[in-house]
Amino acid sequence: MTFDPSTLKFNEAGLIPAIAQDATSGEVLMMAWMNVESIARTLTSGEATYWSRSRQEFWVKGATSGHTQQLVDFRIDCDRDCLLIEVNQTGAACHTGRRTCFYTSVQDGEEVETAQPMPQEAPPSA
């Protein structure tokens, strides 16, 4: 069966949540939004491409940071209202420099940070 993005259930803004998961470890990395065009770009290029609600533009993960997401598998949930993007993640997935955006845990009623930012890569030698 040929994939037709119009069969997905988008919200009133034409967006659908997409969860990025590490294809090897299964670690949940982040959640972002996609629209029909960002889905098409992701499937065509193999690079995770999202829709930035704040900037109102397409966002290729890692285009400025180098922390890229290469598509491994593109999955649709049973209700067709959420996507699971399995990726090979290079570097941090979170804009805070952490591997995952889900680094805050509630433990005994308290918020606890469970991860620190990843070490910065050394600049290339001249």
PDB file of N, CA and C in Angstrom:
ATOM      1  N   MET A   1       0.845  -1.169   0.000  1.00  0.00           N
ATOM      2  CA  MET A   1       0.000   0.000   0.000  1.00  0.00           C
ATOM      3  C   MET A   1       0.894   1.237   0.000  1.00  0.00           C
ATOM      4  N   THR A   2       0.630   2.178  -0.846  1.00  0.00           N
ATOM      5  CA  THR A   2       1.379   3.422  -0.934  1.00  0.00           C
ATOM      6  C   THR A   2       1.013   4.324   0.230  1.00  0.00           C
ATOM      7  N   PHE A   3       2.029   4.943   0.844  1.00  0.00           N
ATOM      8  CA  PHE A   3       1.804   5.854   1.969  1.00  0.00           C
ATOM      9  C   PHE A   3       1.220   7.160   1.467  1.00  0.00           C
ATOM     10  N   ASP A   4       0.135   7.595   2.101  1.00  0.00           N
ATOM     11  CA  ASP A   4      -0.522   8.863   1.778  1.00  0.00           C
ATOM     12  C   ASP A   4      -0.597   9.692   3.056  1.00  0.00           C
ATOM     13  N   PRO A   5       0.239  10.743   3.177  1.00  0.00           N
ATOM     14  CA  PRO A   5       0.251  11.552   4.399  1.00  0.00           C
ATOM     15  C   PRO A   5      -1.111  12.168   4.739  1.00  0.00           C
ATOM     16  N   SER A   6      -1.958  12.348   3.753  1.00  0.00           N
ATOM     17  CA  SER A   6      -3.272  12.956   4.034  1.00  0.00           C
ATOM     18  C   SER A   6      -4.160  12.044   4.879  1.00  0.00           C
ATOM     19  N   THR A   7      -3.767  10.779   5.042  1.00  0.00           N
ATOM     20  CA  THR A   7      -4.542   9.867   5.885  1.00  0.00           C
ATOM     21  C   THR A   7      -4.176  10.008   7.362  1.00  0.00           C
ATOM     22  N   LEU A   8      -3.156  10.819   7.654  1.00  0.00           N
ATOM     23  CA  LEU A   8      -2.777  11.070   9.041  1.00  0.00           C
ATOM     24  C   LEU A   8      -3.728  12.087   9.655  1.00  0.00           C
ATOM     25  N   LYS A   9      -3.814  12.086  10.968  1.00  0.00           N
ATOM     26  CA  LYS A   9      -4.692  13.020  11.683  1.00  0.00           C
ATOM     27  C   LYS A   9      -3.849  14.167  12.238  1.00  0.00           C
ATOM     28  N   PHE A  10      -3.899  15.287  11.552  1.00  0.00           N
ATOM     29  CA  PHE A  10      -3.174  16.486  11.944  1.00  0.00           C
ATOM     30  C   PHE A  10      -4.063  17.346  12.838  1.00  0.00           C
ATOM     31  N   ASN A  11      -3.438  18.178  13.686  1.00  0.00           N
ATOM     32  CA  ASN A  11      -4.234  19.090  14.514  1.00  0.00           C
ATOM     33  C   ASN A  11      -4.729  20.262  13.674  1.00  0.00           C
ATOM     34  N   GLU A  12      -5.409  21.193  14.305  1.00  0.00           N
ATOM     35  CA  GLU A  12      -6.008  22.327  13.573  1.00  0.00           C
ATOM     36  C   GLU A  12      -4.961  23.201  12.894  1.00  0.00           C
ATOM     37  N   ALA A  13      -3.700  23.128  13.341  1.00  0.00           N
ATOM     38  CA  ALA A  13      -2.619  23.892  12.718  1.00  0.00           C
ATOM     39  C   ALA A  13      -1.934  23.100  11.605  1.00  0.00           C
ATOM     40  N   GLY A  14      -2.444  21.888  11.321  1.00  0.00           N
ATOM     41  CA  GLY A  14      -1.852  21.062  10.273  1.00  0.00           C
ATOM     42  C   GLY A  14      -0.598  20.338  10.719  1.00  0.00           C
ATOM     43  N   LEU A  15      -0.471  20.122  12.033  1.00  0.00           N
ATOM     44  CA  LEU A  15       0.726  19.496  12.592  1.00  0.00           C
ATOM     45  C   LEU A  15       0.396  18.184  13.278  1.00  0.00           C
ATOM     46  N   ILE A  16       1.407  17.321  13.363  1.00  0.00           N
ATOM     47  CA  ILE A  16       1.292  16.037  14.041  1.00  0.00           C
ATOM     48  C   ILE A  16       2.543  15.865  14.901  1.00  0.00           C
ATOM     49  N   PRO A  17       2.406  15.370  16.149  1.00  0.00           N
ATOM     50  CA  PRO A  17       3.596  15.162  16.970  1.00  0.00           C
ATOM     51  C   PRO A  17       4.440  14.011  16.439  1.00  0.00           C
ATOM     52  N   ALA A  18       5.757  14.207  16.514  1.00  0.00           N
ATOM     53  CA  ALA A  18       6.705  13.189  16.080  1.00  0.00           C
ATOM     54  C   ALA A  18       7.712  12.968  17.196  1.00  0.00           C
ATOM     55  N   ILE A  19       7.798  11.740  17.657  1.00  0.00           N
ATOM     56  CA  ILE A  19       8.738  11.377  18.703  1.00  0.00           C
ATOM     57  C   ILE A  19       9.966  10.780  18.040  1.00  0.00           C
ATOM     58  N   ALA A  20      11.137  11.333  18.358  1.00  0.00           N
ATOM     59  CA  ALA A  20      12.397  10.804  17.827  1.00  0.00           C
ATOM     60  C   ALA A  20      12.983   9.842  18.847  1.00  0.00           C
ATOM     61  N   GLN A  21      13.316   8.645  18.378  1.00  0.00           N
ATOM     62  CA  GLN A  21      13.852   7.586  19.225  1.00  0.00           C
ATOM     63  C   GLN A  21      15.141   7.073  18.606  1.00  0.00           C
ATOM     64  N   ASP A  22      16.142   6.815  19.455  1.00  0.00           N
ATOM     65  CA  ASP A  22      17.394   6.251  18.973  1.00  0.00           C
ATOM     66  C   ASP A  22      17.129   4.840  18.446  1.00  0.00           C
ATOM     67  N   ALA A  23      17.483   4.591  17.206  1.00  0.00           N
ATOM     68  CA  ALA A  23      17.178   3.311  16.559  1.00  0.00           C
ATOM     69  C   ALA A  23      17.945   2.148  17.168  1.00  0.00           C
ATOM     70  N   THR A  24      19.080   2.406  17.773  1.00  0.00           N
ATOM     71  CA  THR A  24      19.891   1.335  18.358  1.00  0.00           C
ATOM     72  C   THR A  24      19.522   1.056  19.803  1.00  0.00           C
ATOM     73  N   SER A  25      19.484   2.119  20.629  1.00  0.00           N
ATOM     74  CA  SER A  25      19.267   1.930  22.070  1.00  0.00           C
ATOM     75  C   SER A  25      17.798   1.950  22.475  1.00  0.00           C
ATOM     76  N   GLY A  26      16.937   2.548  21.633  1.00  0.00           N
ATOM     77  CA  GLY A  26      15.531   2.696  21.989  1.00  0.00           C
ATOM     78  C   GLY A  26      15.260   3.911  22.856  1.00  0.00           C
ATOM     79  N   GLU A  27      16.302   4.669  23.189  1.00  0.00           N
ATOM     80  CA  GLU A  27      16.151   5.862  24.029  1.00  0.00           C
ATOM     81  C   GLU A  27      15.258   6.894  23.323  1.00  0.00           C
ATOM     82  N   VAL A  28      14.292   7.450  24.070  1.00  0.00           N
ATOM     83  CA  VAL A  28      13.452   8.527  23.536  1.00  0.00           C
ATOM     84  C   VAL A  28      14.276   9.809  23.599  1.00  0.00           C
ATOM     85  N   LEU A  29      14.448  10.452  22.462  1.00  0.00           N
ATOM     86  CA  LEU A  29      15.326  11.609  22.362  1.00  0.00           C
ATOM     87  C   LEU A  29      14.593  12.940  22.475  1.00  0.00           C
ATOM     88  N   MET A  30      13.501  13.081  21.759  1.00  0.00           N
ATOM     89  CA  MET A  30      12.812  14.364  21.716  1.00  0.00           C
ATOM     90  C   MET A  30      11.438  14.212  21.071  1.00  0.00           C
ATOM     91  N   MET A  31      10.655  15.261  21.154  1.00  0.00           N
ATOM     92  CA  MET A  31       9.382  15.357  20.454  1.00  0.00           C
ATOM     93  C   MET A  31       9.375  16.685  19.711  1.00  0.00           C
ATOM     94  N   ALA A  32       8.922  16.651  18.489  1.00  0.00           N
ATOM     95  CA  ALA A  32       8.804  17.865  17.688  1.00  0.00           C
ATOM     96  C   ALA A  32       7.562  17.713  16.815  1.00  0.00           C
ATOM     97  N   TRP A  33       7.282  18.720  16.034  1.00  0.00           N
ATOM     98  CA  TRP A  33       6.084  18.721  15.186  1.00  0.00           C
ATOM     99  C   TRP A  33       6.461  18.566  13.724  1.00  0.00           C
ATOM    100  N   MET A  34       5.604  17.887  12.987  1.00  0.00           N
ATOM    101  CA  MET A  34       5.777  17.741  11.548  1.00  0.00           C
ATOM    102  C   MET A  34       4.472  18.136  10.855  1.00  0.00           C
ATOM    103  N   ASN A  35       4.606  18.582   9.611  1.00  0.00           N
ATOM    104  CA  ASN A  35       3.444  18.791   8.749  1.00  0.00           C
ATOM    105  C   ASN A  35       3.646  17.940   7.492  1.00  0.00           C
ATOM    106  N   VAL A  36       2.738  18.027   6.566  1.00  0.00           N
ATOM    107  CA  VAL A  36       2.827  17.174   5.364  1.00  0.00           C
ATOM    108  C   VAL A  36       4.157  17.372   4.649  1.00  0.00           C
ATOM    109  N   GLU A  37       4.592  18.610   4.505  1.00  0.00           N
ATOM    110  CA  GLU A  37       5.827  18.885   3.770  1.00  0.00           C
ATOM    111  C   GLU A  37       7.056  18.395   4.523  1.00  0.00           C
ATOM    112  N   SER A  38       7.102  18.563   5.848  1.00  0.00           N
ATOM    113  CA  SER A  38       8.273  18.086   6.590  1.00  0.00           C
ATOM    114  C   SER A  38       8.346  16.561   6.574  1.00  0.00           C
ATOM    115  N   ILE A  39       7.197  15.906   6.551  1.00  0.00           N
ATOM    116  CA  ILE A  39       7.177  14.443   6.407  1.00  0.00           C
ATOM    117  C   ILE A  39       7.766  14.050   5.055  1.00  0.00           C
ATOM    118  N   ALA A  40       7.321  14.719   4.007  1.00  0.00           N
ATOM    119  CA  ALA A  40       7.823  14.423   2.664  1.00  0.00           C
ATOM    120  C   ALA A  40       9.328  14.663   2.583  1.00  0.00           C
ATOM    121  N   ARG A  41       9.795  15.762   3.159  1.00  0.00           N
ATOM    122  CA  ARG A  41      11.224  16.072   3.134  1.00  0.00           C
ATOM    123  C   ARG A  41      12.030  15.020   3.896  1.00  0.00           C
ATOM    124  N   THR A  42      11.506  14.590   5.037  1.00  0.00           N
ATOM    125  CA  THR A  42      12.188  13.574   5.838  1.00  0.00           C
ATOM    126  C   THR A  42      12.298  12.268   5.063  1.00  0.00           C
ATOM    127  N   LEU A  43      11.191  11.843   4.476  1.00  0.00           N
ATOM    128  CA  LEU A  43      11.185  10.568   3.750  1.00  0.00           C
ATOM    129  C   LEU A  43      12.047  10.626   2.489  1.00  0.00           C
ATOM    130  N   THR A  44      12.124  11.782   1.855  1.00  0.00           N
ATOM    131  CA  THR A  44      12.914  11.931   0.635  1.00  0.00           C
ATOM    132  C   THR A  44      14.404  12.052   0.928  1.00  0.00           C
ATOM    133  N   SER A  45      14.758  12.870   1.918  1.00  0.00           N
ATOM    134  CA  SER A  45      16.171  13.160   2.196  1.00  0.00           C
ATOM    135  C   SER A  45      16.822  12.174   3.158  1.00  0.00           C
ATOM    136  N   GLY A  46      16.010  11.551   4.027  1.00  0.00           N
ATOM    137  CA  GLY A  46      16.566  10.694   5.065  1.00  0.00           C
ATOM    138  C   GLY A  46      17.074  11.469   6.264  1.00  0.00           C
ATOM    139  N   GLU A  47      16.892  12.784   6.256  1.00  0.00           N
ATOM    140  CA  GLU A  47      17.271  13.639   7.379  1.00  0.00           C
ATOM    141  C   GLU A  47      15.996  14.102   8.088  1.00  0.00           C
ATOM    142  N   ALA A  48      15.951  13.939   9.415  1.00  0.00           N
ATOM    143  CA  ALA A  48      14.761  14.350  10.158  1.00  0.00           C
ATOM    144  C   ALA A  48      14.528  15.840   9.971  1.00  0.00           C
ATOM    145  N   THR A  49      13.353  16.172   9.444  1.00  0.00           N
ATOM    146  CA  THR A  49      12.983  17.555   9.177  1.00  0.00           C
ATOM    147  C   THR A  49      11.666  17.832   9.876  1.00  0.00           C
ATOM    148  N   TYR A  50      11.656  18.855  10.696  1.00  0.00           N
ATOM    149  CA  TYR A  50      10.483  19.196  11.498  1.00  0.00           C
ATOM    150  C   TYR A  50       9.959  20.563  11.109  1.00  0.00           C
ATOM    151  N   TRP A  51       8.814  20.935  11.700  1.00  0.00           N
ATOM    152  CA  TRP A  51       8.258  22.278  11.524  1.00  0.00           C
ATOM    153  C   TRP A  51       8.453  23.025  12.833  1.00  0.00           C
ATOM    154  N   SER A  52       9.131  24.146  12.794  1.00  0.00           N
ATOM    155  CA  SER A  52       9.335  24.976  13.975  1.00  0.00           C
ATOM    156  C   SER A  52       8.143  25.900  14.139  1.00  0.00           C
ATOM    157  N   ARG A  53       7.389  25.689  15.200  1.00  0.00           N
ATOM    158  CA  ARG A  53       6.227  26.541  15.451  1.00  0.00           C
ATOM    159  C   ARG A  53       6.654  27.959  15.810  1.00  0.00           C
ATOM    160  N   SER A  54       7.744  28.120  16.541  1.00  0.00           N
ATOM    161  CA  SER A  54       8.179  29.453  16.960  1.00  0.00           C
ATOM    162  C   SER A  54       8.743  30.266  15.797  1.00  0.00           C
ATOM    163  N   ARG A  55       9.490  29.607  14.911  1.00  0.00           N
ATOM    164  CA  ARG A  55      10.097  30.317  13.779  1.00  0.00           C
ATOM    165  C   ARG A  55       9.244  30.264  12.513  1.00  0.00           C
ATOM    166  N   GLN A  56       8.226  29.385  12.533  1.00  0.00           N
ATOM    167  CA  GLN A  56       7.367  29.210  11.362  1.00  0.00           C
ATOM    168  C   GLN A  56       8.184  28.874  10.114  1.00  0.00           C
ATOM    169  N   GLU A  57       9.066  27.861  10.281  1.00  0.00           N
ATOM    170  CA  GLU A  57       9.887  27.415   9.157  1.00  0.00           C
ATOM    171  C   GLU A  57      10.309  25.965   9.365  1.00  0.00           C
ATOM    172  N   PHE A  58      10.767  25.344   8.288  1.00  0.00           N
ATOM    173  CA  PHE A  58      11.262  23.982   8.380  1.00  0.00           C
ATOM    174  C   PHE A  58      12.583  23.986   9.123  1.00  0.00           C
ATOM    175  N   TRP A  59      12.834  22.879   9.803  1.00  0.00           N
ATOM    176  CA  TRP A  59      14.006  22.751  10.654  1.00  0.00           C
ATOM    177  C   TRP A  59      14.585  21.360  10.423  1.00  0.00           C
ATOM    178  N   VAL A  60      15.719  21.316   9.744  1.00  0.00           N
ATOM    179  CA  VAL A  60      16.435  20.054   9.546  1.00  0.00           C
ATOM    180  C   VAL A  60      17.297  19.861  10.785  1.00  0.00           C
ATOM    181  N   LYS A  61      17.018  18.816  11.544  1.00  0.00           N
ATOM    182  CA  LYS A  61      17.741  18.583  12.792  1.00  0.00           C
ATOM    183  C   LYS A  61      19.235  18.491  12.511  1.00  0.00           C
ATOM    184  N   GLY A  62      20.005  19.349  13.179  1.00  0.00           N
ATOM    185  CA  GLY A  62      21.451  19.350  13.049  1.00  0.00           C
ATOM    186  C   GLY A  62      22.005  20.265  11.982  1.00  0.00           C
ATOM    187  N   ALA A  63      21.147  20.982  11.266  1.00  0.00           N
ATOM    188  CA  ALA A  63      21.638  21.840  10.181  1.00  0.00           C
ATOM    189  C   ALA A  63      22.602  22.904  10.690  1.00  0.00           C
ATOM    190  N   THR A  64      22.378  23.413  11.894  1.00  0.00           N
ATOM    191  CA  THR A  64      23.291  24.417  12.449  1.00  0.00           C
ATOM    192  C   THR A  64      24.187  23.850  13.537  1.00  0.00           C
ATOM    193  N   SER A  65      23.711  22.862  14.279  1.00  0.00           N
ATOM    194  CA  SER A  65      24.482  22.315  15.408  1.00  0.00           C
ATOM    195  C   SER A  65      25.387  21.160  15.016  1.00  0.00           C
ATOM    196  N   GLY A  66      25.083  20.488  13.921  1.00  0.00           N
ATOM    197  CA  GLY A  66      25.806  19.283  13.547  1.00  0.00           C
ATOM    198  C   GLY A  66      25.292  18.039  14.252  1.00  0.00           C
ATOM    199  N   HIS A  67      24.292  18.204  15.129  1.00  0.00           N
ATOM    200  CA  HIS A  67      23.704  17.084  15.870  1.00  0.00           C
ATOM    201  C   HIS A  67      22.542  16.521  15.060  1.00  0.00           C
ATOM    202  N   THR A  68      22.881  15.722  14.094  1.00  0.00           N
ATOM    203  CA  THR A  68      21.928  15.276  13.082  1.00  0.00           C
ATOM    204  C   THR A  68      21.134  14.048  13.496  1.00  0.00           C
ATOM    205  N   GLN A  69      20.034  13.851  12.790  1.00  0.00           N
ATOM    206  CA  GLN A  69      19.210  12.658  12.937  1.00  0.00           C
ATOM    207  C   GLN A  69      18.998  12.062  11.557  1.00  0.00           C
ATOM    208  N   GLN A  70      19.596  10.898  11.330  1.00  0.00           N
ATOM    209  CA  GLN A  70      19.420  10.180  10.070  1.00  0.00           C
ATOM    210  C   GLN A  70      18.280   9.177  10.249  1.00  0.00           C
ATOM    211  N   LEU A  71      17.315   9.233   9.370  1.00  0.00           N
ATOM    212  CA  LEU A  71      16.131   8.384   9.448  1.00  0.00           C
ATOM    213  C   LEU A  71      16.483   6.907   9.255  1.00  0.00           C
ATOM    214  N   VAL A  72      15.983   6.076  10.153  1.00  0.00           N
ATOM    215  CA  VAL A  72      16.122   4.630  10.046  1.00  0.00           C
ATOM    216  C   VAL A  72      14.754   4.017   9.751  1.00  0.00           C
ATOM    217  N   ASP A  73      13.732   4.466  10.478  1.00  0.00           N
ATOM    218  CA  ASP A  73      12.381   3.939  10.280  1.00  0.00           C
ATOM    219  C   ASP A  73      11.375   5.027  10.609  1.00  0.00           C
ATOM    220  N   PHE A  74      10.282   5.040   9.889  1.00  0.00           N
ATOM    221  CA  PHE A  74       9.217   6.031  10.050  1.00  0.00           C
ATOM    222  C   PHE A  74       7.947   5.265  10.379  1.00  0.00           C
ATOM    223  N   ARG A  75       7.436   5.444  11.592  1.00  0.00           N
ATOM    224  CA  ARG A  75       6.279   4.672  12.045  1.00  0.00           C
ATOM    225  C   ARG A  75       5.102   5.566  12.377  1.00  0.00           C
ATOM    226  N   ILE A  76       3.924   4.985  12.220  1.00  0.00           N
ATOM    227  CA  ILE A  76       2.664   5.681  12.470  1.00  0.00           C
ATOM    228  C   ILE A  76       1.916   4.916  13.550  1.00  0.00           C
ATOM    229  N   ASP A  77       1.376   5.641  14.547  1.00  0.00           N
ATOM    230  CA  ASP A  77       0.655   4.929  15.608  1.00  0.00           C
ATOM    231  C   ASP A  77      -0.723   4.485  15.111  1.00  0.00           C
ATOM    232  N   CYS A  78      -1.378   3.652  15.919  1.00  0.00           N
ATOM    233  CA  CYS A  78      -2.642   3.011  15.525  1.00  0.00           C
ATOM    234  C   CYS A  78      -3.765   4.010  15.254  1.00  0.00           C
ATOM    235  N   ASP A  79      -3.753   5.165  15.928  1.00  0.00           N
ATOM    236  CA  ASP A  79      -4.775   6.184  15.700  1.00  0.00           C
ATOM    237  C   ASP A  79      -4.406   7.138  14.577  1.00  0.00           C
ATOM    238  N   ARG A  80      -3.193   7.000  14.045  1.00  0.00           N
ATOM    239  CA  ARG A  80      -2.670   7.828  12.957  1.00  0.00           C
ATOM    240  C   ARG A  80      -2.546   9.295  13.351  1.00  0.00           C
ATOM    241  N   ASP A  81      -2.354   9.539  14.674  1.00  0.00           N
ATOM    242  CA  ASP A  81      -2.238  10.921  15.138  1.00  0.00           C
ATOM    243  C   ASP A  81      -0.911  11.214  15.837  1.00  0.00           C
ATOM    244  N   CYS A  82       0.045  10.311  15.677  1.00  0.00           N
ATOM    245  CA  CYS A  82       1.376  10.501  16.264  1.00  0.00           C
ATOM    246  C   CYS A  82       2.372   9.667  15.460  1.00  0.00           C
ATOM    247  N   LEU A  83       3.587  10.203  15.327  1.00  0.00           N
ATOM    248  CA  LEU A  83       4.630   9.527  14.569  1.00  0.00           C
ATOM    249  C   LEU A  83       5.770   9.125  15.479  1.00  0.00           C
ATOM    250  N   LEU A  84       6.431   8.042  15.134  1.00  0.00           N
ATOM    251  CA  LEU A  84       7.657   7.604  15.800  1.00  0.00           C
ATOM    252  C   LEU A  84       8.733   7.577  14.731  1.00  0.00           C
ATOM    253  N   ILE A  85       9.737   8.428  14.921  1.00  0.00           N
ATOM    254  CA  ILE A  85      10.820   8.529  13.959  1.00  0.00           C
ATOM    255  C   ILE A  85      12.042   7.869  14.592  1.00  0.00           C
ATOM    256  N   GLU A  86      12.415   6.697  14.109  1.00  0.00           N
ATOM    257  CA  GLU A  86      13.613   6.040  14.603  1.00  0.00           C
ATOM    258  C   GLU A  86      14.800   6.585  13.823  1.00  0.00           C
ATOM    259  N   VAL A  87      15.808   7.045  14.576  1.00  0.00           N
ATOM    260  CA  VAL A  87      16.921   7.746  13.950  1.00  0.00           C
ATOM    261  C   VAL A  87      18.265   7.270  14.485  1.00  0.00           C
ATOM    262  N   ASN A  88      19.295   7.525  13.700  1.00  0.00           N
ATOM    263  CA  ASN A  88      20.671   7.447  14.187  1.00  0.00           C
ATOM    264  C   ASN A  88      21.035   8.870  14.574  1.00  0.00           C
ATOM    265  N   GLN A  89      21.166   9.101  15.877  1.00  0.00           N
ATOM    266  CA  GLN A  89      21.444  10.430  16.419  1.00  0.00           C
ATOM    267  C   GLN A  89      22.939  10.662  16.505  1.00  0.00           C
ATOM    268  N   THR A  90      23.389  11.810  16.007  1.00  0.00           N
ATOM    269  CA  THR A  90      24.768  12.246  16.166  1.00  0.00           C
ATOM    270  C   THR A  90      24.764  13.404  17.149  1.00  0.00           C
ATOM    271  N   GLY A  91      25.471  13.252  18.275  1.00  0.00           N
ATOM    272  CA  GLY A  91      25.535  14.323  19.272  1.00  0.00           C
ATOM    273  C   GLY A  91      24.259  14.429  20.082  1.00  0.00           C
ATOM    274  N   ALA A  92      24.062  15.598  20.660  1.00  0.00           N
ATOM    275  CA  ALA A  92      22.913  15.856  21.535  1.00  0.00           C
ATOM    276  C   ALA A  92      21.641  16.041  20.712  1.00  0.00           C
ATOM    277  N   ALA A  93      20.535  15.521  21.228  1.00  0.00           N
ATOM    278  CA  ALA A  93      19.242  15.748  20.573  1.00  0.00           C
ATOM    279  C   ALA A  93      18.577  17.005  21.111  1.00  0.00           C
ATOM    280  N   CYS A  94      18.880  17.371  22.346  1.00  0.00           N
ATOM    281  CA  CYS A  94      18.227  18.496  23.010  1.00  0.00           C
ATOM    282  C   CYS A  94      19.003  19.796  22.785  1.00  0.00           C
ATOM    283  N   HIS A  95      18.264  20.888  22.645  1.00  0.00           N
ATOM    284  CA  HIS A  95      18.915  22.192  22.457  1.00  0.00           C
ATOM    285  C   HIS A  95      19.720  22.622  23.687  1.00  0.00           C
ATOM    286  N   THR A  96      19.526  21.942  24.831  1.00  0.00           N
ATOM    287  CA  THR A  96      20.296  22.255  26.044  1.00  0.00           C
ATOM    288  C   THR A  96      21.658  21.563  26.037  1.00  0.00           C
ATOM    289  N   GLY A  97      21.915  20.758  25.005  1.00  0.00           N
ATOM    290  CA  GLY A  97      23.178  20.039  24.905  1.00  0.00           C
ATOM    291  C   GLY A  97      23.147  18.652  25.526  1.00  0.00           C
ATOM    292  N   ARG A  98      21.967  18.228  25.969  1.00  0.00           N
ATOM    293  CA  ARG A  98      21.837  16.889  26.534  1.00  0.00           C
ATOM    294  C   ARG A  98      21.481  15.896  25.440  1.00  0.00           C
ATOM    295  N   ARG A  99      21.776  14.650  25.685  1.00  0.00           N
ATOM    296  CA  ARG A  99      21.478  13.585  24.724  1.00  0.00           C
ATOM    297  C   ARG A  99      19.987  13.531  24.414  1.00  0.00           C
ATOM    298  N   THR A 100      19.136  13.697  25.432  1.00  0.00           N
ATOM    299  CA  THR A 100      17.690  13.619  25.290  1.00  0.00           C
ATOM    300  C   THR A 100      17.031  14.853  25.894  1.00  0.00           C
ATOM    301  N   CYS A 101      15.881  15.204  25.396  1.00  0.00           N
ATOM    302  CA  CYS A 101      15.106  16.308  25.971  1.00  0.00           C
ATOM    303  C   CYS A 101      14.426  15.883  27.277  1.00  0.00           C
ATOM    304  N   PHE A 102      14.317  14.589  27.497  1.00  0.00           N
ATOM    305  CA  PHE A 102      13.605  14.064  28.663  1.00  0.00           C
ATOM    306  C   PHE A 102      14.589  13.772  29.791  1.00  0.00           C
ATOM    307  N   TYR A 103      15.195  14.825  30.319  1.00  0.00           N
ATOM    308  CA  TYR A 103      16.209  14.691  31.361  1.00  0.00           C
ATOM    309  C   TYR A 103      15.711  15.130  32.740  1.00  0.00           C
ATOM    310  N   THR A 104      14.427  15.480  32.862  1.00  0.00           N
ATOM    311  CA  THR A 104      13.857  15.861  34.152  1.00  0.00           C
ATOM    312  C   THR A 104      12.889  14.780  34.591  1.00  0.00           C
ATOM    313  N   SER A 105      13.117  14.273  35.798  1.00  0.00           N
ATOM    314  CA  SER A 105      12.290  13.211  36.360  1.00  0.00           C
ATOM    315  C   SER A 105      11.617  13.731  37.633  1.00  0.00           C
ATOM    316  N   VAL A 106      10.383  13.309  37.876  1.00  0.00           N
ATOM    317  CA  VAL A 106       9.720  13.630  39.133  1.00  0.00           C
ATOM    318  C   VAL A 106       9.892  12.432  40.053  1.00  0.00           C
ATOM    319  N   GLN A 107      10.607  12.655  41.157  1.00  0.00           N
ATOM    320  CA  GLN A 107      10.903  11.594  42.124  1.00  0.00           C
ATOM    321  C   GLN A 107      10.507  12.082  43.508  1.00  0.00           C
ATOM    322  N   ASP A 108       9.574  11.365  44.125  1.00  0.00           N
ATOM    323  CA  ASP A 108       9.071  11.742  45.445  1.00  0.00           C
ATOM    324  C   ASP A 108       8.586  13.188  45.473  1.00  0.00           C
ATOM    325  N   GLY A 109       7.905  13.608  44.409  1.00  0.00           N
ATOM    326  CA  GLY A 109       7.333  14.953  44.336  1.00  0.00           C
ATOM    327  C   GLY A 109       8.318  16.048  43.990  1.00  0.00           C
ATOM    328  N   GLU A 110       9.557  15.698  43.720  1.00  0.00           N
ATOM    329  CA  GLU A 110      10.595  16.682  43.388  1.00  0.00           C
ATOM    330  C   GLU A 110      11.085  16.470  41.963  1.00  0.00           C
ATOM    331  N   GLU A 111      11.394  17.585  41.285  1.00  0.00           N
ATOM    332  CA  GLU A 111      12.008  17.494  39.968  1.00  0.00           C
ATOM    333  C   GLU A 111      13.502  17.253  40.124  1.00  0.00           C
ATOM    334  N   VAL A 112      13.999  16.268  39.410  1.00  0.00           N
ATOM    335  CA  VAL A 112      15.408  15.902  39.479  1.00  0.00           C
ATOM    336  C   VAL A 112      15.960  15.834  38.060  1.00  0.00           C
ATOM    337  N   GLU A 113      17.074  16.526  37.827  1.00  0.00           N
ATOM    338  CA  GLU A 113      17.748  16.423  36.532  1.00  0.00           C
ATOM    339  C   GLU A 113      18.526  15.118  36.504  1.00  0.00           C
ATOM    340  N   THR A 114      18.286  14.325  35.475  1.00  0.00           N
ATOM    341  CA  THR A 114      18.912  13.006  35.385  1.00  0.00           C
ATOM    342  C   THR A 114      20.081  12.960  34.411  1.00  0.00           C
ATOM    343  N   ALA A 115      20.350  14.074  33.741  1.00  0.00           N
ATOM    344  CA  ALA A 115      21.453  14.098  32.770  1.00  0.00           C
ATOM    345  C   ALA A 115      22.032  15.501  32.695  1.00  0.00           C
ATOM    346  N   GLN A 116      23.318  15.563  32.460  1.00  0.00           N
ATOM    347  CA  GLN A 116      24.016  16.825  32.273  1.00  0.00           C
ATOM    348  C   GLN A 116      24.271  17.020  30.777  1.00  0.00           C
ATOM    349  N   PRO A 117      24.534  18.270  30.357  1.00  0.00           N
ATOM    350  CA  PRO A 117      24.884  18.479  28.951  1.00  0.00           C
ATOM    351  C   PRO A 117      26.092  17.646  28.561  1.00  0.00           C
ATOM    352  N   MET A 118      26.089  17.215  27.312  1.00  0.00           N
ATOM    353  CA  MET A 118      27.202  16.435  26.786  1.00  0.00           C
ATOM    354  C   MET A 118      28.423  17.344  26.655  1.00  0.00           C
ATOM    355  N   PRO A 119      29.623  16.797  26.792  1.00  0.00           N
ATOM    356  CA  PRO A 119      30.829  17.615  26.611  1.00  0.00           C
ATOM    357  C   PRO A 119      30.853  18.190  25.198  1.00  0.00           C
ATOM    358  N   GLN A 120      31.321  19.417  25.097  1.00  0.00           N
ATOM    359  CA  GLN A 120      31.451  20.047  23.780  1.00  0.00           C
ATOM    360  C   GLN A 120      32.578  19.387  23.014  1.00  0.00           C
ATOM    361  N   GLU A 121      32.380  19.246  21.726  1.00  0.00           N
ATOM    362  CA  GLU A 121      33.432  18.671  20.890  1.00  0.00           C
ATOM    363  C   GLU A 121      34.544  19.695  20.724  1.00  0.00           C
ATOM    364  N   ALA A 122      35.769  19.238  20.733  1.00  0.00           N
ATOM    365  CA  ALA A 122      36.917  20.129  20.544  1.00  0.00           C
ATOM    366  C   ALA A 122      36.943  20.617  19.106  1.00  0.00           C
ATOM    367  N   PRO A 123      37.271  21.901  18.913  1.00  0.00           N
ATOM    368  CA  PRO A 123      37.378  22.405  17.542  1.00  0.00           C
ATOM    369  C   PRO A 123      38.520  21.711  16.811  1.00  0.00           C
ATOM    370  N   PRO A 124      38.425  21.588  15.489  1.00  0.00           N
ATOM    371  CA  PRO A 124      39.476  20.937  14.725  1.00  0.00           C
ATOM    372  C   PRO A 124      40.806  21.676  14.883  1.00  0.00           C
ATOM    373  N   SER A 125      41.889  20.924  14.875  1.00  0.00           N
ATOM    374  CA  SER A 125      43.226  21.534  14.971  1.00  0.00           C
ATOM    375  C   SER A 125      43.582  22.208  13.658  1.00  0.00           C
ATOM    376  N   ALA A 126      44.326  23.298  13.786  1.00  0.00           N
ATOM    377  CA  ALA A 126      44.739  24.022  12.567  1.00  0.00           C
ATOM    378  C   ALA A 126      46.071  23.535  12.088  1.00  0.00           C
TER     379      ALA A 126
END
